[in-house]
Amino acid sequence: MPLIKVIDLAYGRLRSPDLDVAEEFLTQFGMERAERTPSALYMRGTDPAHHIHVTEKGEPGFVGLAYYAPSLDDLKRLAKTPGASAVESIDEPGGGKRVRLREPNGYQIEVVHGIKPHKAIPVKRQPLNLGNDGLVPREAHRARGDGGAQRGGHRAVVS
């Protein structure tokens, strides 16, 4: 039986020597800047999550992944696991609490709770051909909408 069941993927954390280049790259994928400090960039999607990607300034590399815990009690229970950190206050934009662990390949796993959300960004959705109101021209399906990245729903890690 698992110690806790996480709710969702919160964010990925990487390192890059140039935060300007990282921001431009992530913007091309439809993310928007949530916040930026001298040492890190926090990018968001259109959903309310404070951020779905963190880029720390440093040598290029993958740092780890973060997952949402359902409650602070879940974090406290997880913190009792061998190798887990204590419950920490997150000293980054959005705040909240976290427990840090290492997975077998050495990557950091953060389990977080209580990060303050932003308001969702409204997105213009393309109409669907439901057969009720006539057909939508094919050109409308090819037009790029105003939407960007919605959320960080999956990540791939290869060892």
Protein backbone atom coordinates (compact mmCIF):
# COMPACT_ATOMS: atom_id res chain seq x y z
CA MET A 1 0.00 0.00 0.00
CA PRO A 2 1.42 3.43 -0.91
CA LEU A 3 2.29 5.95 1.79
CA ILE A 4 0.32 8.63 -0.05
CA LYS A 5 -1.36 9.02 -3.42
CA VAL A 6 -0.28 12.17 -5.23
CA ILE A 7 -2.94 14.22 -7.02
CA ASP A 8 -1.05 15.33 -10.11
CA LEU A 9 2.27 16.32 -11.57
CA ALA A 10 3.16 19.81 -10.30
CA TYR A 11 6.26 20.82 -12.28
CA GLY A 12 9.55 19.79 -13.75
CA ARG A 13 12.81 21.38 -12.57
CA LEU A 14 15.80 21.85 -14.89
CA ARG A 15 18.97 23.94 -15.00
CA SER A 16 20.18 26.26 -17.74
CA PRO A 17 23.10 28.71 -17.88
CA ASP A 18 20.96 31.40 -19.55
CA LEU A 19 17.49 32.14 -18.17
CA ASP A 20 16.70 34.51 -21.07
CA VAL A 21 17.26 31.72 -23.61
CA ALA A 22 15.25 29.29 -21.46
CA GLU A 23 12.35 31.74 -21.24
CA GLU A 24 12.30 32.30 -25.00
CA PHE A 25 12.36 28.54 -25.61
CA LEU A 26 9.54 27.80 -23.14
CA THR A 27 7.46 30.71 -24.46
CA GLN A 28 7.62 29.09 -27.90
CA PHE A 29 5.97 26.04 -26.33
CA GLY A 30 3.07 28.17 -25.11
CA MET A 31 4.14 28.79 -21.52
CA GLU A 32 4.08 32.22 -19.88
CA ARG A 33 6.33 33.66 -17.22
CA ALA A 34 4.78 33.32 -13.77
CA GLU A 35 7.75 34.87 -11.97
CA ARG A 36 11.48 35.27 -12.27
CA THR A 37 14.22 35.72 -9.68
CA PRO A 38 17.94 36.29 -10.33
CA SER A 39 18.49 32.53 -9.96
CA ALA A 40 15.32 30.91 -11.36
CA LEU A 41 12.53 31.17 -13.91
CA TYR A 42 8.97 29.98 -13.13
CA MET A 43 6.76 29.33 -16.16
CA ARG A 44 3.03 28.66 -16.12
CA GLY A 45 0.29 27.38 -18.38
CA THR A 46 -3.26 28.63 -18.77
CA ASP A 47 -4.59 26.58 -15.82
CA PRO A 48 -4.41 28.12 -12.33
CA ALA A 49 -1.25 26.30 -11.21
CA HIS A 50 1.34 28.86 -10.10
CA HIS A 51 3.97 27.26 -12.34
CA ILE A 52 4.42 24.06 -14.34
CA HIS A 53 8.14 24.42 -15.03
CA VAL A 54 11.14 25.73 -13.09
CA THR A 55 14.48 26.57 -14.68
CA GLU A 56 17.31 27.19 -12.22
CA LYS A 57 20.41 29.07 -13.36
CA GLY A 58 23.34 26.65 -13.57
CA GLU A 59 24.97 23.93 -15.60
CA PRO A 60 22.47 22.39 -18.03
CA GLY A 61 20.65 19.39 -16.68
CA PHE A 62 17.53 17.73 -15.38
CA VAL A 63 17.02 18.24 -11.63
CA GLY A 64 13.75 16.41 -10.96
CA LEU A 65 9.98 16.40 -10.79
CA ALA A 66 7.41 17.65 -8.30
CA TYR A 67 4.01 16.17 -7.50
CA TYR A 68 1.02 17.56 -5.59
CA ALA A 69 0.08 15.92 -2.28
CA PRO A 70 -3.58 16.02 -1.25
CA SER A 71 -2.87 17.49 2.20
CA LEU A 72 -0.27 18.70 4.66
CA ASP A 73 -0.93 15.53 6.67
CA ASP A 74 0.21 13.52 3.63
CA LEU A 75 3.46 15.51 3.57
CA LYS A 76 3.97 14.84 7.28
CA ARG A 77 3.43 11.12 6.73
CA LEU A 78 5.84 11.12 3.77
CA ALA A 79 8.49 12.98 5.79
CA LYS A 80 8.74 9.94 8.10
CA THR A 81 10.00 7.81 5.17
CA PRO A 82 13.72 6.90 5.29
CA GLY A 83 15.65 9.28 3.03
CA ALA A 84 12.92 11.93 2.97
CA SER A 85 13.47 15.50 4.12
CA ALA A 86 11.42 17.09 6.85
CA VAL A 87 8.42 19.13 5.74
CA GLU A 88 9.98 22.38 4.47
CA SER A 89 8.54 25.77 3.63
CA ILE A 90 9.12 26.47 -0.06
CA ASP A 91 11.19 29.64 -0.30
CA GLU A 92 10.19 30.29 -3.93
CA PRO A 93 7.38 32.14 -5.69
CA GLY A 94 4.03 30.55 -4.86
CA GLY A 95 5.18 29.37 -1.43
CA GLY A 96 3.72 26.20 0.03
CA LYS A 97 5.31 23.22 1.73
CA ARG A 98 7.33 20.28 0.38
CA VAL A 99 9.13 17.06 1.18
CA ARG A 100 12.17 16.14 -0.93
CA LEU A 101 13.29 12.64 -1.83
CA ARG A 102 15.76 11.08 -4.32
CA GLU A 103 14.68 8.47 -6.83
CA PRO A 104 17.01 5.54 -7.68
CA ASN A 105 18.77 7.45 -10.52
CA GLY A 106 19.57 10.32 -8.15
CA TYR A 107 16.98 12.79 -9.44
CA GLN A 108 15.13 14.95 -6.94
CA ILE A 109 11.47 14.28 -6.25
CA GLU A 110 9.49 17.03 -4.54
CA VAL A 111 6.06 16.39 -3.10
CA VAL A 112 4.34 19.74 -2.58
CA HIS A 113 1.19 21.16 -1.04
CA GLY A 114 -0.29 24.64 -0.61
CA ILE A 115 1.37 26.46 -3.53
CA LYS A 116 -0.73 29.56 -4.19
CA PRO A 117 -2.47 29.37 -7.58
CA HIS A 118 -2.87 32.15 -10.12
CA LYS A 119 -6.14 32.91 -11.85
CA ALA A 120 -6.65 30.81 -14.98
CA ILE A 121 -5.81 32.54 -18.26
CA PRO A 122 -8.89 32.64 -20.54
CA VAL A 123 -8.36 30.73 -23.77
CA LYS A 124 -10.32 31.12 -26.97
CA ARG A 125 -11.37 27.61 -27.98
CA GLN A 126 -11.92 26.57 -31.58
CA PRO A 127 -15.52 25.53 -32.40
CA LEU A 128 -16.18 21.82 -32.85
CA ASN A 129 -18.10 20.22 -35.70
CA LEU A 130 -20.88 18.61 -33.71
CA GLY A 131 -23.31 18.39 -36.62
CA ASN A 132 -25.82 20.75 -35.01
CA ASP A 133 -24.99 24.12 -36.52
CA GLY A 134 -23.48 23.31 -39.87
CA LEU A 135 -19.83 22.65 -40.56
CA VAL A 136 -16.94 24.80 -39.46
CA PRO A 137 -14.61 25.53 -42.42
CA ARG A 138 -11.37 23.50 -42.40
CA GLU A 139 -9.36 26.74 -42.30
CA ALA A 140 -10.73 27.43 -38.80
CA HIS A 141 -9.22 24.16 -37.59
CA ARG A 142 -5.81 25.10 -38.95
CA ALA A 143 -5.82 28.59 -37.46
CA ARG A 144 -3.70 28.90 -34.36
CA GLY A 145 -5.82 29.84 -31.39
CA ASP A 146 -4.89 32.11 -28.52
CA GLY A 147 -4.22 29.13 -26.23
CA GLY A 148 -0.85 27.97 -25.02
CA ALA A 149 0.27 25.23 -22.71
CA GLN A 150 -2.54 24.37 -20.34
CA ARG A 151 -0.77 22.28 -17.72
CA GLY A 152 2.17 19.94 -17.31
CA GLY A 153 0.27 16.69 -17.66
CA HIS A 154 3.19 14.36 -18.31
CA ARG A 155 6.99 14.19 -18.31
CA ALA A 156 9.43 11.62 -19.69
CA VAL A 157 12.63 10.71 -17.88
CA VAL A 158 15.13 8.35 -19.48
CA SER A 159 17.97 6.78 -17.55
